[in-house]
C-alpha atoms as a PDB file:
ATOM      1  CA  MET A   1      27.545  -1.376 -14.609  1.00  0.00           C
ATOM      2  CA  ASN A   2      24.726  -1.840 -17.143  1.00  0.00           C
ATOM      3  CA  LEU A   3      21.718   0.052 -15.747  1.00  0.00           C
ATOM      4  CA  HIS A   4      19.037  -2.253 -17.120  1.00  0.00           C
ATOM      5  CA  GLN A   5      20.810  -5.377 -15.842  1.00  0.00           C
ATOM      6  CA  ALA A   6      21.316  -3.742 -12.438  1.00  0.00           C
ATOM      7  CA  LYS A   7      17.561  -3.043 -12.291  1.00  0.00           C
ATOM      8  CA  LEU A   8      16.728  -6.640 -13.214  1.00  0.00           C
ATOM      9  CA  ASP A   9      19.168  -7.925 -10.568  1.00  0.00           C
ATOM     10  CA  ILE A  10      17.642  -5.738  -7.836  1.00  0.00           C
ATOM     11  CA  ILE A  11      14.136  -6.941  -8.761  1.00  0.00           C
ATOM     12  CA  GLU A  12      15.340 -10.566  -8.671  1.00  0.00           C
ATOM     13  CA  ALA A  13      17.212 -10.172  -5.373  1.00  0.00           C
ATOM     14  CA  GLY A  14      14.165  -8.401  -3.907  1.00  0.00           C
ATOM     15  CA  ARG A  15      11.916 -11.258  -4.949  1.00  0.00           C
ATOM     16  CA  ARG A  16      14.295 -13.784  -3.405  1.00  0.00           C
ATOM     17  CA  VAL A  17      14.726 -12.016  -0.046  1.00  0.00           C
ATOM     18  CA  TYR A  18      10.934 -11.735   0.201  1.00  0.00           C
ATOM     19  CA  ASP A  19      10.213 -15.318  -0.907  1.00  0.00           C
ATOM     20  CA  ARG A  20      12.783 -16.721   1.509  1.00  0.00           C
ATOM     21  CA  GLY A  21      11.342 -14.741   4.412  1.00  0.00           C
ATOM     22  CA  TYR A  22      14.418 -12.561   4.916  1.00  0.00           C
ATOM     23  CA  VAL A  23      12.094  -9.526   4.962  1.00  0.00           C
ATOM     24  CA  ALA A  24       8.455  -8.956   5.878  1.00  0.00           C
ATOM     25  CA  SER A  25       6.084  -6.268   4.674  1.00  0.00           C
ATOM     26  CA  ASN A  26       8.125  -3.389   3.186  1.00  0.00           C
ATOM     27  CA  ASP A  27      11.331  -4.176   5.114  1.00  0.00           C
ATOM     28  CA  GLY A  28      14.829  -4.268   3.670  1.00  0.00           C
ATOM     29  CA  ASN A  29      16.621  -2.396   0.923  1.00  0.00           C
ATOM     30  CA  ILE A  30      18.950  -3.156  -1.975  1.00  0.00           C
ATOM     31  CA  SER A  31      21.259  -0.890  -3.943  1.00  0.00           C
ATOM     32  CA  CYS A  32      23.843  -1.013  -6.705  1.00  0.00           C
ATOM     33  CA  ARG A  33      26.554   1.511  -7.584  1.00  0.00           C
ATOM     34  CA  ILE A  34      26.019   2.109 -11.291  1.00  0.00           C
ATOM     35  CA  GLU A  35      28.530   4.967 -11.653  1.00  0.00           C
ATOM     36  CA  GLU A  36      31.094   6.519  -9.334  1.00  0.00           C
ATOM     37  CA  ASP A  37      28.536   9.090  -8.179  1.00  0.00           C
ATOM     38  CA  ARG A  38      25.244   7.318  -8.917  1.00  0.00           C
ATOM     39  CA  ILE A  39      23.453   4.630  -6.916  1.00  0.00           C
ATOM     40  CA  LEU A  40      20.419   2.643  -8.043  1.00  0.00           C
ATOM     41  CA  THR A  41      18.257   1.810  -5.018  1.00  0.00           C
ATOM     42  CA  THR A  42      14.943   0.403  -3.917  1.00  0.00           C
ATOM     43  CA  PRO A  43      12.296   2.953  -2.897  1.00  0.00           C
ATOM     44  CA  THR A  44      10.853   3.348   0.570  1.00  0.00           C
ATOM     45  CA  GLY A  45       7.491   1.818   1.418  1.00  0.00           C
ATOM     46  CA  VAL A  46       7.405  -0.895  -1.255  1.00  0.00           C
ATOM     47  CA  SER A  47       7.565  -4.664  -0.687  1.00  0.00           C
ATOM     48  CA  LYS A  48      10.819  -6.088  -2.048  1.00  0.00           C
ATOM     49  CA  GLY A  49       8.902  -9.089  -3.371  1.00  0.00           C
ATOM     50  CA  PHE A  50       6.801  -7.007  -5.761  1.00  0.00           C
ATOM     51  CA  LEU A  51       9.149  -4.316  -7.060  1.00  0.00           C
ATOM     52  CA  LYS A  52       8.618  -2.867 -10.524  1.00  0.00           C
ATOM     53  CA  LEU A  53      11.407  -1.546 -12.745  1.00  0.00           C
ATOM     54  CA  GLU A  54       9.913   1.953 -12.808  1.00  0.00           C
ATOM     55  CA  GLU A  55       9.828   2.133  -8.990  1.00  0.00           C
ATOM     56  CA  LEU A  56      13.609   1.993  -8.595  1.00  0.00           C
ATOM     57  CA  CYS A  57      15.364   5.298  -7.874  1.00  0.00           C
ATOM     58  CA  ILE A  58      18.764   6.765  -8.670  1.00  0.00           C
ATOM     59  CA  VAL A  59      20.499   8.964  -6.081  1.00  0.00           C
ATOM     60  CA  ASP A  60      23.845  10.737  -5.971  1.00  0.00           C
ATOM     61  CA  MET A  61      26.537  10.155  -3.341  1.00  0.00           C
ATOM     62  CA  ASP A  62      24.800  12.632  -1.042  1.00  0.00           C
ATOM     63  CA  GLY A  63      21.559  10.647  -1.192  1.00  0.00           C
ATOM     64  CA  THR A  64      19.762  13.269  -3.304  1.00  0.00           C
ATOM     65  CA  LEU A  65      17.173  11.860  -5.708  1.00  0.00           C
ATOM     66  CA  VAL A  66      18.389  12.180  -9.312  1.00  0.00           C
ATOM     67  CA  SER A  67      15.839   9.984 -11.077  1.00  0.00           C
ATOM     68  CA  GLY A  68      12.623   8.211 -10.069  1.00  0.00           C
ATOM     69  CA  GLN A  69       9.106   8.965  -8.880  1.00  0.00           C
ATOM     70  CA  LYS A  70       9.388   7.508  -5.372  1.00  0.00           C
ATOM     71  CA  ARG A  71      11.563   8.454  -2.395  1.00  0.00           C
ATOM     72  CA  PRO A  72      14.680   6.309  -1.951  1.00  0.00           C
ATOM     73  CA  SER A  73      15.031   3.921   0.971  1.00  0.00           C
ATOM     74  CA  SER A  74      15.400   5.621   4.357  1.00  0.00           C
ATOM     75  CA  GLU A  75      18.542   3.489   4.860  1.00  0.00           C
ATOM     76  CA  ILE A  76      20.337   4.918   1.806  1.00  0.00           C
ATOM     77  CA  GLY A  77      22.784   6.713   4.105  1.00  0.00           C
ATOM     78  CA  MET A  78      24.156   3.368   5.320  1.00  0.00           C
ATOM     79  CA  HIS A  79      24.573   2.195   1.710  1.00  0.00           C
ATOM     80  CA  ILE A  80      26.436   5.387   0.738  1.00  0.00           C
ATOM     81  CA  PHE A  81      28.684   5.009   3.787  1.00  0.00           C
ATOM     82  CA  LEU A  82      29.579   1.456   2.719  1.00  0.00           C
ATOM     83  CA  TYR A  83      30.333   2.556  -0.862  1.00  0.00           C
ATOM     84  CA  ARG A  84      32.572   5.354   0.392  1.00  0.00           C
ATOM     85  CA  GLU A  85      34.447   3.079   2.793  1.00  0.00           C
ATOM     86  CA  ARG A  86      34.700   0.134   0.379  1.00  0.00           C
ATOM     87  CA  PRO A  87      35.343   1.288  -3.209  1.00  0.00           C
ATOM     88  CA  ASP A  88      35.414  -2.389  -4.243  1.00  0.00           C
ATOM     89  CA  ALA A  89      31.760  -2.809  -3.180  1.00  0.00           C
ATOM     90  CA  ARG A  90      29.279  -2.366  -6.013  1.00  0.00           C
ATOM     91  CA  ALA A  91      26.121  -3.563  -4.235  1.00  0.00           C
ATOM     92  CA  VAL A  92      24.535  -3.637  -0.775  1.00  0.00           C
ATOM     93  CA  VAL A  93      21.719  -5.836   0.544  1.00  0.00           C
ATOM     94  CA  HIS A  94      20.046  -5.094   3.877  1.00  0.00           C
ATOM     95  CA  ALA A  95      17.439  -7.498   5.282  1.00  0.00           C
ATOM     96  CA  HIS A  96      16.151  -9.083   8.483  1.00  0.00           C
ATOM     97  CA  PRO A  97      16.775 -12.830   7.996  1.00  0.00           C
ATOM     98  CA  PRO A  98      15.110 -14.353  11.075  1.00  0.00           C
ATOM     99  CA  THR A  99      17.802 -16.704  12.388  1.00  0.00           C
ATOM    100  CA  ALA A 100      20.758 -14.400  11.747  1.00  0.00           C
ATOM    101  CA  THR A 101      18.763 -11.502  13.194  1.00  0.00           C
ATOM    102  CA  GLY A 102      18.004 -13.704  16.211  1.00  0.00           C
ATOM    103  CA  PHE A 103      21.763 -13.958  16.793  1.00  0.00           C
ATOM    104  CA  ALA A 104      22.010 -10.161  16.415  1.00  0.00           C
ATOM    105  CA  VAL A 105      19.240  -9.650  18.995  1.00  0.00           C
ATOM    106  CA  ALA A 106      20.905 -12.148  21.351  1.00  0.00           C
ATOM    107  CA  GLY A 107      24.239 -10.373  20.942  1.00  0.00           C
ATOM    108  CA  ILE A 108      25.997 -13.443  19.517  1.00  0.00           C
ATOM    109  CA  PRO A 109      28.261 -12.802  16.488  1.00  0.00           C
ATOM    110  CA  LEU A 110      28.561 -15.451  13.771  1.00  0.00           C
ATOM    111  CA  THR A 111      32.297 -15.853  14.207  1.00  0.00           C
ATOM    112  CA  ALA A 112      32.656 -19.599  14.876  1.00  0.00           C
ATOM    113  CA  CYS A 113      34.833 -21.290  12.239  1.00  0.00           C
ATOM    114  CA  VAL A 114      32.629 -24.291  11.528  1.00  0.00           C
ATOM    115  CA  LEU A 115      31.646 -24.297   7.845  1.00  0.00           C
ATOM    116  CA  PRO A 116      34.231 -24.162   5.024  1.00  0.00           C
ATOM    117  CA  GLU A 117      31.825 -22.387   2.625  1.00  0.00           C
ATOM    118  CA  VAL A 118      31.204 -19.596   5.129  1.00  0.00           C
ATOM    119  CA  ILE A 119      34.900 -19.151   5.913  1.00  0.00           C
ATOM    120  CA  ILE A 120      35.677 -18.828   2.198  1.00  0.00           C
ATOM    121  CA  THR A 121      32.715 -16.565   1.343  1.00  0.00           C
ATOM    122  CA  LEU A 122      32.358 -14.330   4.388  1.00  0.00           C
ATOM    123  CA  GLY A 123      34.952 -15.261   6.990  1.00  0.00           C
ATOM    124  CA  ALA A 124      33.502 -14.132  10.311  1.00  0.00           C
ATOM    125  CA  ILE A 125      30.334 -12.061  10.663  1.00  0.00           C
ATOM    126  CA  PRO A 126      30.653  -9.517  13.487  1.00  0.00           C
ATOM    127  CA  ILE A 127      27.883  -7.615  15.271  1.00  0.00           C
ATOM    128  CA  ALA A 128      27.842  -3.846  14.836  1.00  0.00           C
ATOM    129  CA  GLY A 129      26.365  -1.999  17.829  1.00  0.00           C
ATOM    130  CA  TYR A 130      22.837  -0.631  17.701  1.00  0.00           C
ATOM    131  CA  GLY A 131      22.128   2.505  15.706  1.00  0.00           C
ATOM    132  CA  THR A 132      18.734   4.008  14.886  1.00  0.00           C
ATOM    133  CA  PRO A 133      17.587   2.658  11.485  1.00  0.00           C
ATOM    134  CA  GLY A 134      17.752   5.423   8.890  1.00  0.00           C
ATOM    135  CA  GLY A 135      20.014   7.535  11.097  1.00  0.00           C
ATOM    136  CA  PRO A 136      23.736   8.292  10.775  1.00  0.00           C
ATOM    137  CA  GLU A 137      24.718   6.337  13.901  1.00  0.00           C
ATOM    138  CA  ILE A 138      23.970   3.029  12.171  1.00  0.00           C
ATOM    139  CA  SER A 139      26.957   3.680   9.886  1.00  0.00           C
ATOM    140  CA  GLU A 140      29.212   4.655  12.788  1.00  0.00           C
ATOM    141  CA  THR A 141      28.758   1.272  14.444  1.00  0.00           C
ATOM    142  CA  ILE A 142      29.769  -0.596  11.253  1.00  0.00           C
ATOM    143  CA  LYS A 143      32.885   1.552  10.777  1.00  0.00           C
ATOM    144  CA  GLU A 144      35.276  -0.656  12.754  1.00  0.00           C
ATOM    145  CA  TYR A 145      34.343  -3.717  10.668  1.00  0.00           C
ATOM    146  CA  VAL A 146      33.801  -2.336   7.177  1.00  0.00           C
ATOM    147  CA  LYS A 147      37.367  -2.729   5.872  1.00  0.00           C
ATOM    148  CA  ASP A 148      37.720  -6.380   6.904  1.00  0.00           C
ATOM    149  CA  TYR A 149      34.282  -7.943   6.492  1.00  0.00           C
ATOM    150  CA  ASP A 150      31.603  -8.255   3.788  1.00  0.00           C
ATOM    151  CA  GLY A 151      28.733  -9.139   6.136  1.00  0.00           C
ATOM    152  CA  TYR A 152      27.534  -7.534   9.355  1.00  0.00           C
ATOM    153  CA  LEU A 153      24.883  -8.334  11.908  1.00  0.00           C
ATOM    154  CA  LEU A 154      23.225  -5.141  13.156  1.00  0.00           C
ATOM    155  CA  GLU A 155      22.378  -5.326  16.854  1.00  0.00           C
ATOM    156  CA  ASN A 156      18.592  -5.509  17.446  1.00  0.00           C
ATOM    157  CA  HIS A 157      17.975  -4.770  13.770  1.00  0.00           C
ATOM    158  CA  GLY A 158      19.039  -7.161  11.007  1.00  0.00           C
ATOM    159  CA  ALA A 159      21.930  -7.847   8.664  1.00  0.00           C
ATOM    160  CA  THR A 160      23.794  -6.196   5.798  1.00  0.00           C
ATOM    161  CA  THR A 161      26.067  -7.638   3.124  1.00  0.00           C
ATOM    162  CA  ILE A 162      28.173  -6.065   0.380  1.00  0.00           C
ATOM    163  CA  GLY A 163      29.327  -7.583  -2.887  1.00  0.00           C
ATOM    164  CA  THR A 164      30.862  -7.091  -6.313  1.00  0.00           C
ATOM    165  CA  ASP A 165      27.343  -7.007  -7.788  1.00  0.00           C
ATOM    166  CA  VAL A 166      23.750  -7.333  -6.583  1.00  0.00           C
ATOM    167  CA  MET A 167      23.562 -11.119  -6.755  1.00  0.00           C
ATOM    168  CA  ASP A 168      26.953 -11.502  -5.044  1.00  0.00           C
ATOM    169  CA  ALA A 169      25.703  -9.376  -2.130  1.00  0.00           C
ATOM    170  CA  TYR A 170      22.429 -11.336  -2.090  1.00  0.00           C
ATOM    171  CA  TYR A 171      24.214 -14.721  -2.039  1.00  0.00           C
ATOM    172  CA  LYS A 172      26.285 -13.564   0.938  1.00  0.00           C
ATOM    173  CA  MET A 173      23.025 -12.801   2.762  1.00  0.00           C
ATOM    174  CA  GLU A 174      21.768 -16.280   1.864  1.00  0.00           C
ATOM    175  CA  THR A 175      25.010 -17.848   3.135  1.00  0.00           C
ATOM    176  CA  MET A 176      24.784 -15.864   6.378  1.00  0.00           C
ATOM    177  CA  GLU A 177      21.242 -17.029   7.140  1.00  0.00           C
ATOM    178  CA  HIS A 178      22.081 -20.634   6.195  1.00  0.00           C
ATOM    179  CA  PHE A 179      25.072 -20.516   8.558  1.00  0.00           C
ATOM    180  CA  ALA A 180      22.943 -19.043  11.353  1.00  0.00           C
ATOM    181  CA  LYS A 181      20.354 -21.837  10.980  1.00  0.00           C
ATOM    182  CA  ILE A 182      23.003 -24.575  11.108  1.00  0.00           C
ATOM    183  CA  LEU A 183      24.769 -22.991  14.087  1.00  0.00           C
ATOM    184  CA  PHE A 184      21.440 -22.620  15.907  1.00  0.00           C
ATOM    185  CA  VAL A 185      20.643 -26.315  15.386  1.00  0.00           C
ATOM    186  CA  ALA A 186      24.150 -27.325  16.525  1.00  0.00           C
ATOM    187  CA  LYS A 187      23.710 -25.266  19.697  1.00  0.00           C
ATOM    188  CA  GLN A 188      20.372 -27.008  20.355  1.00  0.00           C
ATOM    189  CA  LEU A 189      22.140 -30.351  19.965  1.00  0.00           C
ATOM    190  CA  GLY A 190      24.711 -29.405  22.580  1.00  0.00           C
ATOM    191  CA  GLY A 191      27.498 -27.568  20.771  1.00  0.00           C
ATOM    192  CA  TYR A 192      29.645 -27.557  17.648  1.00  0.00           C
ATOM    193  CA  ASN A 193      33.080 -28.641  16.470  1.00  0.00           C
ATOM    194  CA  GLU A 194      35.217 -25.689  15.441  1.00  0.00           C
ATOM    195  CA  LEU A 195      37.905 -25.914  12.752  1.00  0.00           C
ATOM    196  CA  ASN A 196      41.405 -25.269  14.075  1.00  0.00           C
ATOM    197  CA  ALA A 197      43.776 -22.526  12.887  1.00  0.00           C
ATOM    198  CA  GLU A 198      45.607 -24.872  10.505  1.00  0.00           C
ATOM    199  CA  GLN A 199      42.354 -26.054   8.892  1.00  0.00           C
ATOM    200  CA  VAL A 200      41.165 -22.465   8.481  1.00  0.00           C
ATOM    201  CA  ALA A 201      44.525 -21.389   7.002  1.00  0.00           C
ATOM    202  CA  LYS A 202      44.299 -24.197   4.403  1.00  0.00           C
ATOM    203  CA  LEU A 203      40.845 -22.961   3.355  1.00  0.00           C
ATOM    204  CA  VAL A 204      41.926 -19.323   3.139  1.00  0.00           C
END
């Protein structure tokens, strides 16, 4: 992974999650695996909408700062866990998109098979049980889903997506929130039509 391009992608994804209201204040974090034992990540305490190239940090697979002037995100442990469990993942985006997070707070997973684009991109989006943000238990609750899914709602917290690169992980977050908004509207209108097993199989 080209380091400079990875930095530009994190800045761009940070700007987008902030502009779209998926994070407020200094919330959220984004990372990219640039080498087998090196992760480029956003720093703690900085708005994702106004990141500067020089503020990004590099940590090793233990979360120890290797390069950068600021401390890495307090959630870096969750990112490292995902990289260890999913060697195919090269990027992680964590945010608090309001509608998807509303489903997470309500305890409703985004598992209804209603939109072809979501089925193809993410499949189902399960809810991982609550774990203290920044603590090791947040990773434990994702463990049962990590092998089979690329997006997770985090109970009473937010959402996380993984991807082949930063923008892929970001687009999955965008798809998740778009799906949540549509499903919420359908529920307000009285329900939704779900695709049957044959229709889903054709898509897959």
